[in-house]
Amino acid sequence: MGSVNKAILVGNLGRDAEMRFTTGGTAVATVSIATTDHFTDRDGQKREDTQWHRIVIWGKTAEAIQPYLTKGKQIYVEGKIQTREWTDKEGKQVKTTEIRADRVVLLGGAGGGGERTAARPQRDRFASTGAGSSGGSDMPDDMGPVDAPNDDDIPF
C-alpha cells in the first residue's frame, strides 16, 4: 500500500509573510499560522491549546499571494509536511518541521471580506516543490512550478 503526506490547516497568520528568493530567482514566502483547539478539562474549566505552524509557499504562488498575507488574516492551507535539518552559523544542528503549501486560500477572518481564493496555483500546472537540506535559506535553484504530465506521459 502507498503512503499519504497531506496537511490541511485553517488558522490565523501570526505575522506578515516574509518573502525571499533562492539564488536561482525562485520566490519563497514563509508565514506562521496559529490553530487553536478549544476544550473543557476534567475540572470543567474551558481551555484552549494553540499550535503554531510554519508554512512555506513557493514560486509564482508566493509572489502573487504575499501582499495579502498579513498578520491576523485567516487562511486555509493544503500541503505536505516536511522536516529539514542544517547546521547554523554557530555550528549547532537545527531541525524544523514545516508545511510545504500546495494550495492557499484567503478566508474572511481579520479584516477580510468573505471567502475568496487568491493566487491558487493552476490545478494542472503546479507540482509539489521541496526544500533542500543544504541549510538555511539557500534552497535548490530548481524548486518551482513544473508542468504536470499529460496522458501521453503515463505508461499505463
N, C-alpha and C. Protein backbone atom coordinates (compact mmCIF):
# COMPACT_ATOMS: atom_id res chain seq x y z
N MET A 1 0.84 -1.18 0.00
CA MET A 1 0.00 0.00 0.00
C MET A 1 0.88 1.24 0.00
N GLY A 2 0.44 2.30 -0.66
CA GLY A 2 1.18 3.55 -0.72
C GLY A 2 1.09 4.33 0.57
N SER A 3 1.55 5.55 0.52
CA SER A 3 1.51 6.40 1.70
C SER A 3 0.94 7.77 1.33
N VAL A 4 0.55 8.51 2.34
CA VAL A 4 -0.04 9.84 2.14
C VAL A 4 0.66 10.82 3.07
N ASN A 5 1.04 11.95 2.54
CA ASN A 5 1.61 13.03 3.34
C ASN A 5 0.84 14.28 2.96
N LYS A 6 -0.20 14.61 3.72
CA LYS A 6 -1.04 15.76 3.42
C LYS A 6 -1.47 16.43 4.72
N ALA A 7 -1.33 17.74 4.74
CA ALA A 7 -1.77 18.54 5.88
C ALA A 7 -2.82 19.52 5.39
N ILE A 8 -3.87 19.71 6.17
CA ILE A 8 -4.90 20.71 5.89
C ILE A 8 -5.06 21.53 7.16
N LEU A 9 -4.85 22.84 7.04
CA LEU A 9 -4.91 23.72 8.19
C LEU A 9 -5.76 24.94 7.89
N VAL A 10 -6.49 25.43 8.88
CA VAL A 10 -7.16 26.72 8.83
C VAL A 10 -6.72 27.45 10.09
N GLY A 11 -6.12 28.61 9.91
CA GLY A 11 -5.63 29.35 11.06
C GLY A 11 -5.39 30.81 10.72
N ASN A 12 -4.89 31.54 11.71
CA ASN A 12 -4.63 32.97 11.56
C ASN A 12 -3.13 33.22 11.52
N LEU A 13 -2.74 34.15 10.64
CA LEU A 13 -1.33 34.49 10.49
C LEU A 13 -0.83 35.23 11.73
N GLY A 14 0.33 34.83 12.21
CA GLY A 14 0.93 35.46 13.38
C GLY A 14 1.78 36.66 13.03
N ARG A 15 2.15 36.80 11.76
CA ARG A 15 2.95 37.93 11.28
C ARG A 15 2.75 38.04 9.78
N ASP A 16 3.20 39.15 9.21
CA ASP A 16 3.15 39.32 7.76
C ASP A 16 4.07 38.30 7.10
N ALA A 17 3.75 37.92 5.88
CA ALA A 17 4.57 36.98 5.13
C ALA A 17 5.96 37.55 4.89
N GLU A 18 6.95 36.68 4.95
CA GLU A 18 8.34 37.06 4.66
C GLU A 18 8.69 36.49 3.29
N MET A 19 9.12 37.35 2.38
CA MET A 19 9.46 36.92 1.01
C MET A 19 10.96 36.94 0.82
N ARG A 20 11.49 35.91 0.20
CA ARG A 20 12.90 35.89 -0.20
C ARG A 20 12.98 35.12 -1.51
N PHE A 21 14.17 35.12 -2.09
CA PHE A 21 14.37 34.45 -3.37
C PHE A 21 15.59 33.54 -3.28
N THR A 22 15.51 32.39 -3.93
CA THR A 22 16.66 31.50 -3.98
C THR A 22 17.71 32.12 -4.89
N THR A 23 18.91 31.56 -4.90
CA THR A 23 19.96 32.08 -5.78
C THR A 23 19.57 31.96 -7.24
N GLY A 24 18.66 31.04 -7.56
CA GLY A 24 18.17 30.88 -8.92
C GLY A 24 17.00 31.78 -9.26
N GLY A 25 16.53 32.59 -8.29
CA GLY A 25 15.46 33.54 -8.54
C GLY A 25 14.06 33.04 -8.21
N THR A 26 13.92 31.86 -7.64
CA THR A 26 12.60 31.34 -7.27
C THR A 26 12.12 32.00 -5.99
N ALA A 27 10.89 32.50 -6.01
CA ALA A 27 10.30 33.15 -4.85
C ALA A 27 9.92 32.12 -3.79
N VAL A 28 10.14 32.49 -2.52
CA VAL A 28 9.76 31.66 -1.38
C VAL A 28 9.16 32.57 -0.31
N ALA A 29 7.89 32.35 0.02
CA ALA A 29 7.24 33.12 1.09
C ALA A 29 7.04 32.19 2.29
N THR A 30 7.31 32.71 3.48
CA THR A 30 7.08 31.94 4.69
C THR A 30 6.14 32.72 5.62
N VAL A 31 5.25 31.98 6.25
CA VAL A 31 4.32 32.54 7.23
C VAL A 31 4.19 31.56 8.38
N SER A 32 3.70 32.05 9.49
CA SER A 32 3.36 31.20 10.62
C SER A 32 1.88 31.38 10.90
N ILE A 33 1.16 30.25 11.01
CA ILE A 33 -0.25 30.36 11.35
C ILE A 33 -0.52 29.63 12.67
N ALA A 34 -1.50 30.14 13.38
CA ALA A 34 -1.91 29.56 14.65
C ALA A 34 -3.22 28.83 14.45
N THR A 35 -3.28 27.61 15.00
CA THR A 35 -4.54 26.87 15.07
C THR A 35 -4.84 26.68 16.55
N THR A 36 -6.09 26.87 16.92
CA THR A 36 -6.46 26.80 18.34
C THR A 36 -7.57 25.78 18.54
N ASP A 37 -7.36 24.89 19.49
CA ASP A 37 -8.33 23.87 19.86
C ASP A 37 -8.94 24.28 21.20
N HIS A 38 -10.27 24.34 21.26
CA HIS A 38 -10.97 24.69 22.49
C HIS A 38 -11.54 23.41 23.11
N PHE A 39 -11.38 23.26 24.42
CA PHE A 39 -11.87 22.06 25.08
C PHE A 39 -12.15 22.36 26.55
N THR A 40 -12.84 21.42 27.19
CA THR A 40 -13.12 21.51 28.62
C THR A 40 -12.31 20.44 29.33
N ASP A 41 -11.54 20.83 30.33
CA ASP A 41 -10.69 19.87 31.05
C ASP A 41 -11.52 19.06 32.07
N ARG A 42 -10.86 18.17 32.79
CA ARG A 42 -11.53 17.28 33.75
C ARG A 42 -12.26 18.05 34.84
N ASP A 43 -11.76 19.23 35.17
CA ASP A 43 -12.36 20.04 36.23
C ASP A 43 -13.49 20.94 35.72
N GLY A 44 -13.83 20.80 34.44
CA GLY A 44 -14.90 21.61 33.86
C GLY A 44 -14.46 22.99 33.42
N GLN A 45 -13.16 23.26 33.46
CA GLN A 45 -12.63 24.56 33.04
C GLN A 45 -12.48 24.61 31.52
N LYS A 46 -12.90 25.70 30.92
CA LYS A 46 -12.71 25.88 29.48
C LYS A 46 -11.24 26.20 29.23
N ARG A 47 -10.65 25.50 28.28
CA ARG A 47 -9.23 25.67 27.95
C ARG A 47 -9.08 25.80 26.44
N GLU A 48 -7.92 26.28 26.07
CA GLU A 48 -7.58 26.29 24.65
C GLU A 48 -6.10 25.95 24.50
N ASP A 49 -5.80 25.30 23.38
CA ASP A 49 -4.44 24.90 23.07
C ASP A 49 -4.11 25.45 21.68
N THR A 50 -3.14 26.35 21.61
CA THR A 50 -2.74 26.95 20.34
C THR A 50 -1.44 26.32 19.86
N GLN A 51 -1.44 25.89 18.60
CA GLN A 51 -0.25 25.33 17.95
C GLN A 51 0.16 26.28 16.82
N TRP A 52 1.46 26.46 16.67
CA TRP A 52 1.99 27.30 15.59
C TRP A 52 2.58 26.42 14.51
N HIS A 53 2.31 26.79 13.24
CA HIS A 53 2.74 26.02 12.09
C HIS A 53 3.48 26.93 11.12
N ARG A 54 4.65 26.50 10.68
CA ARG A 54 5.42 27.25 9.68
C ARG A 54 4.98 26.77 8.31
N ILE A 55 4.60 27.72 7.45
CA ILE A 55 4.11 27.41 6.10
C ILE A 55 5.10 28.01 5.10
N VAL A 56 5.47 27.22 4.09
CA VAL A 56 6.38 27.67 3.04
C VAL A 56 5.63 27.61 1.71
N ILE A 57 5.61 28.72 1.00
CA ILE A 57 4.90 28.84 -0.28
C ILE A 57 5.94 29.17 -1.36
N TRP A 58 5.93 28.41 -2.45
CA TRP A 58 6.96 28.53 -3.48
C TRP A 58 6.45 29.16 -4.77
N GLY A 59 7.38 29.73 -5.53
CA GLY A 59 7.17 30.13 -6.92
C GLY A 59 6.23 31.30 -7.13
N LYS A 60 5.52 31.22 -8.26
CA LYS A 60 4.62 32.31 -8.65
C LYS A 60 3.48 32.47 -7.64
N THR A 61 3.08 31.38 -7.01
CA THR A 61 2.04 31.48 -5.98
C THR A 61 2.52 32.38 -4.85
N ALA A 62 3.76 32.20 -4.42
CA ALA A 62 4.33 33.02 -3.35
C ALA A 62 4.34 34.49 -3.75
N GLU A 63 4.78 34.77 -4.96
CA GLU A 63 4.85 36.16 -5.42
C GLU A 63 3.47 36.80 -5.48
N ALA A 64 2.47 36.06 -5.96
CA ALA A 64 1.14 36.64 -6.14
C ALA A 64 0.40 36.85 -4.82
N ILE A 65 0.56 35.93 -3.89
CA ILE A 65 -0.25 35.99 -2.67
C ILE A 65 0.42 36.73 -1.52
N GLN A 66 1.72 36.90 -1.56
CA GLN A 66 2.47 37.51 -0.46
C GLN A 66 1.89 38.84 0.03
N PRO A 67 1.50 39.76 -0.85
CA PRO A 67 0.97 41.04 -0.35
C PRO A 67 -0.30 40.91 0.49
N TYR A 68 -1.04 39.82 0.31
CA TYR A 68 -2.31 39.62 1.03
C TYR A 68 -2.12 38.86 2.34
N LEU A 69 -0.95 38.32 2.56
CA LEU A 69 -0.70 37.52 3.76
C LEU A 69 -0.20 38.43 4.88
N THR A 70 -1.15 39.04 5.57
CA THR A 70 -0.82 40.00 6.63
C THR A 70 -1.27 39.46 7.99
N LYS A 71 -0.60 39.93 9.02
CA LYS A 71 -0.86 39.48 10.38
C LYS A 71 -2.36 39.51 10.71
N GLY A 72 -2.84 38.41 11.28
CA GLY A 72 -4.24 38.31 11.67
C GLY A 72 -5.14 37.70 10.63
N LYS A 73 -4.73 37.69 9.36
CA LYS A 73 -5.55 37.16 8.28
C LYS A 73 -5.76 35.67 8.46
N GLN A 74 -6.98 35.20 8.21
CA GLN A 74 -7.27 33.76 8.30
C GLN A 74 -7.07 33.13 6.93
N ILE A 75 -6.34 31.99 6.91
CA ILE A 75 -6.09 31.30 5.65
C ILE A 75 -6.35 29.80 5.79
N TYR A 76 -6.61 29.19 4.65
CA TYR A 76 -6.75 27.74 4.51
C TYR A 76 -5.52 27.29 3.75
N VAL A 77 -4.84 26.23 4.23
CA VAL A 77 -3.62 25.74 3.59
C VAL A 77 -3.72 24.23 3.40
N GLU A 78 -3.36 23.77 2.21
CA GLU A 78 -3.17 22.35 1.95
C GLU A 78 -1.72 22.18 1.54
N GLY A 79 -1.09 21.13 2.02
CA GLY A 79 0.29 20.91 1.64
C GLY A 79 0.86 19.65 2.23
N LYS A 80 2.17 19.53 2.13
CA LYS A 80 2.89 18.35 2.62
C LYS A 80 3.74 18.73 3.83
N ILE A 81 3.84 17.80 4.76
CA ILE A 81 4.67 18.01 5.94
C ILE A 81 6.10 17.62 5.57
N GLN A 82 7.04 18.49 5.87
CA GLN A 82 8.44 18.18 5.61
C GLN A 82 9.29 18.63 6.78
N THR A 83 10.37 17.90 7.01
CA THR A 83 11.32 18.24 8.06
C THR A 83 12.67 18.46 7.41
N ARG A 84 13.32 19.55 7.78
CA ARG A 84 14.66 19.87 7.26
C ARG A 84 15.64 19.97 8.40
N GLU A 85 16.89 19.63 8.13
CA GLU A 85 17.96 19.77 9.11
C GLU A 85 19.13 20.49 8.46
N TRP A 86 19.81 21.33 9.24
CA TRP A 86 21.00 22.01 8.76
C TRP A 86 21.84 22.45 9.95
N THR A 87 23.03 22.91 9.67
CA THR A 87 23.92 23.45 10.70
C THR A 87 23.90 24.96 10.58
N ASP A 88 23.61 25.65 11.70
CA ASP A 88 23.53 27.10 11.66
C ASP A 88 24.93 27.73 11.71
N LYS A 89 24.96 29.05 11.71
CA LYS A 89 26.23 29.79 11.68
C LYS A 89 27.11 29.51 12.89
N GLU A 90 26.49 29.11 14.00
CA GLU A 90 27.25 28.81 15.23
C GLU A 90 27.65 27.35 15.32
N GLY A 91 27.37 26.57 14.25
CA GLY A 91 27.74 25.16 14.23
C GLY A 91 26.76 24.23 14.93
N LYS A 92 25.61 24.76 15.31
CA LYS A 92 24.60 23.96 16.01
C LYS A 92 23.64 23.33 15.00
N GLN A 93 23.29 22.04 15.22
CA GLN A 93 22.32 21.36 14.37
C GLN A 93 20.93 21.93 14.63
N VAL A 94 20.22 22.28 13.56
CA VAL A 94 18.88 22.83 13.65
C VAL A 94 17.95 21.94 12.85
N LYS A 95 16.77 21.70 13.39
CA LYS A 95 15.77 20.88 12.72
C LYS A 95 14.45 21.62 12.76
N THR A 96 13.74 21.68 11.64
CA THR A 96 12.44 22.34 11.60
C THR A 96 11.45 21.50 10.81
N THR A 97 10.21 21.54 11.25
CA THR A 97 9.13 20.87 10.53
C THR A 97 8.22 21.97 10.01
N GLU A 98 7.83 21.86 8.76
CA GLU A 98 7.03 22.89 8.12
C GLU A 98 6.06 22.26 7.14
N ILE A 99 5.11 23.06 6.69
CA ILE A 99 4.15 22.63 5.68
C ILE A 99 4.55 23.30 4.37
N ARG A 100 4.81 22.50 3.35
CA ARG A 100 5.11 23.00 2.00
C ARG A 100 3.77 23.13 1.29
N ALA A 101 3.29 24.36 1.16
CA ALA A 101 1.93 24.62 0.67
C ALA A 101 1.78 24.29 -0.81
N ASP A 102 0.70 23.57 -1.12
CA ASP A 102 0.30 23.31 -2.50
C ASP A 102 -0.88 24.21 -2.87
N ARG A 103 -1.65 24.62 -1.85
CA ARG A 103 -2.83 25.45 -2.08
C ARG A 103 -3.02 26.38 -0.89
N VAL A 104 -3.29 27.65 -1.17
CA VAL A 104 -3.55 28.64 -0.12
C VAL A 104 -4.80 29.40 -0.52
N VAL A 105 -5.75 29.49 0.42
CA VAL A 105 -7.00 30.23 0.18
C VAL A 105 -7.14 31.26 1.28
N LEU A 106 -7.36 32.52 0.89
CA LEU A 106 -7.61 33.58 1.86
C LEU A 106 -9.05 33.48 2.31
N LEU A 107 -9.26 33.51 3.61
CA LEU A 107 -10.61 33.43 4.17
C LEU A 107 -11.01 34.80 4.72
N GLY A 108 -12.21 34.91 5.27
CA GLY A 108 -12.76 36.19 5.66
C GLY A 108 -12.30 36.74 6.98
N GLY A 109 -11.52 36.01 7.77
CA GLY A 109 -11.16 36.48 9.10
C GLY A 109 -10.20 37.65 9.10
N ALA A 110 -10.22 38.42 10.17
CA ALA A 110 -9.31 39.54 10.44
C ALA A 110 -9.23 40.54 9.31
N GLY A 111 -10.35 41.14 9.00
CA GLY A 111 -10.35 42.22 8.02
C GLY A 111 -10.64 41.77 6.60
N GLY A 112 -10.81 40.48 6.37
CA GLY A 112 -11.12 40.01 5.02
C GLY A 112 -12.59 40.21 4.74
N GLY A 113 -12.94 40.25 3.48
CA GLY A 113 -14.33 40.45 3.10
C GLY A 113 -14.91 39.20 2.50
N GLY A 114 -15.21 38.21 3.31
CA GLY A 114 -15.79 36.98 2.80
C GLY A 114 -14.71 36.05 2.27
N GLU A 115 -15.15 34.88 1.85
CA GLU A 115 -14.19 33.88 1.36
C GLU A 115 -13.81 34.17 -0.08
N ARG A 116 -12.54 34.04 -0.37
CA ARG A 116 -12.08 34.19 -1.75
C ARG A 116 -10.78 33.44 -1.89
N THR A 117 -10.53 32.99 -3.09
CA THR A 117 -9.30 32.29 -3.38
C THR A 117 -8.35 33.28 -4.00
N ALA A 118 -7.12 33.31 -3.50
CA ALA A 118 -6.13 34.24 -4.04
C ALA A 118 -4.91 33.46 -4.48
N ALA A 119 -4.52 33.67 -5.68
CA ALA A 119 -3.27 33.11 -6.20
C ALA A 119 -3.18 31.61 -6.02
N ARG A 120 -4.31 30.94 -6.17
CA ARG A 120 -4.27 29.49 -6.08
C ARG A 120 -3.59 28.96 -7.34
N PRO A 121 -2.65 28.05 -7.21
CA PRO A 121 -1.97 27.55 -8.39
C PRO A 121 -2.93 26.86 -9.33
N GLN A 122 -2.63 26.94 -10.63
CA GLN A 122 -3.45 26.23 -11.58
C GLN A 122 -3.35 24.74 -11.28
N ARG A 123 -4.48 24.10 -11.23
CA ARG A 123 -4.55 22.71 -10.80
C ARG A 123 -3.67 21.79 -11.63
N ASP A 124 -3.63 21.96 -12.94
CA ASP A 124 -2.90 21.04 -13.79
C ASP A 124 -1.47 21.47 -14.08
N ARG A 125 -1.05 22.62 -13.63
CA ARG A 125 0.28 23.10 -13.97
C ARG A 125 1.18 23.27 -12.76
N PHE A 126 0.74 22.93 -11.59
CA PHE A 126 1.56 23.13 -10.39
C PHE A 126 1.90 21.80 -9.79
N ALA A 127 3.17 21.56 -9.57
CA ALA A 127 3.60 20.34 -8.92
C ALA A 127 4.23 20.69 -7.59
N SER A 128 4.28 19.73 -6.71
CA SER A 128 4.90 19.94 -5.41
C SER A 128 6.33 20.35 -5.58
N THR A 129 6.76 21.25 -4.73
CA THR A 129 8.16 21.62 -4.72
C THR A 129 8.70 21.38 -3.34
N GLY A 130 9.95 21.09 -3.24
CA GLY A 130 10.50 20.73 -1.94
C GLY A 130 11.59 21.67 -1.52
N ALA A 131 11.99 21.52 -0.29
CA ALA A 131 13.09 22.31 0.25
C ALA A 131 14.28 21.41 0.42
N GLY A 132 15.41 21.91 0.09
CA GLY A 132 16.62 21.12 0.21
C GLY A 132 17.11 21.08 1.63
N SER A 133 18.08 20.24 1.89
CA SER A 133 18.64 20.15 3.23
C SER A 133 20.03 20.73 3.27
N SER A 134 20.32 21.59 2.29
CA SER A 134 21.66 22.16 2.22
C SER A 134 21.89 23.18 3.33
N GLY A 135 20.80 23.70 3.89
CA GLY A 135 20.95 24.58 5.04
C GLY A 135 20.42 25.96 4.81
N GLY A 136 19.91 26.54 5.88
CA GLY A 136 19.46 27.93 5.88
C GLY A 136 18.44 28.23 4.81
N SER A 137 18.58 29.42 4.21
CA SER A 137 17.63 29.83 3.20
C SER A 137 18.12 29.54 1.79
N ASP A 138 19.25 28.87 1.64
CA ASP A 138 19.74 28.53 0.31
C ASP A 138 19.07 27.28 -0.19
N MET A 139 17.88 27.46 -0.77
CA MET A 139 17.14 26.33 -1.30
C MET A 139 17.68 26.01 -2.69
N PRO A 140 17.47 24.79 -3.16
CA PRO A 140 17.93 24.44 -4.50
C PRO A 140 17.31 25.34 -5.55
N ASP A 141 18.07 25.62 -6.61
CA ASP A 141 17.61 26.52 -7.67
C ASP A 141 16.46 25.94 -8.47
N ASP A 142 16.34 24.63 -8.53
CA ASP A 142 15.36 24.02 -9.41
C ASP A 142 14.01 23.80 -8.75
N MET A 143 13.75 24.42 -7.62
CA MET A 143 12.48 24.23 -6.94
C MET A 143 11.49 25.27 -7.42
N GLY A 144 10.46 24.84 -8.08
CA GLY A 144 9.44 25.75 -8.56
C GLY A 144 8.37 24.99 -9.31
N PRO A 145 7.35 25.71 -9.83
CA PRO A 145 6.29 25.05 -10.56
C PRO A 145 6.84 24.33 -11.79
N VAL A 146 6.28 23.19 -12.07
CA VAL A 146 6.67 22.43 -13.25
C VAL A 146 5.40 21.96 -13.94
N ASP A 147 5.54 21.63 -15.21
CA ASP A 147 4.38 21.12 -15.94
C ASP A 147 3.99 19.76 -15.43
N ALA A 148 2.71 19.55 -15.27
CA ALA A 148 2.20 18.24 -14.87
C ALA A 148 2.27 17.31 -16.09
N PRO A 149 2.43 16.02 -15.88
CA PRO A 149 2.48 15.11 -17.02
C PRO A 149 1.13 15.07 -17.73
N ASN A 150 1.17 14.89 -19.04
CA ASN A 150 -0.09 14.72 -19.73
C ASN A 150 -0.36 13.24 -19.92
N ASP A 151 -1.49 12.89 -20.49
CA ASP A 151 -1.87 11.48 -20.61
C ASP A 151 -0.86 10.66 -21.42
N ASP A 152 -0.14 11.28 -22.35
CA ASP A 152 0.84 10.55 -23.14
C ASP A 152 2.07 10.16 -22.34
N ASP A 153 2.31 10.84 -21.21
CA ASP A 153 3.46 10.54 -20.38
C ASP A 153 3.23 9.39 -19.41
N ILE A 154 1.97 9.02 -19.20
CA ILE A 154 1.66 7.96 -18.25
C ILE A 154 1.75 6.61 -18.94
N PRO A 155 2.54 5.67 -18.40
CA PRO A 155 2.83 4.43 -19.11
C PRO A 155 1.71 3.37 -19.05
N PHE A 156 0.59 3.65 -18.47
CA PHE A 156 -0.46 2.62 -18.40
C PHE A 156 -1.80 3.16 -18.82
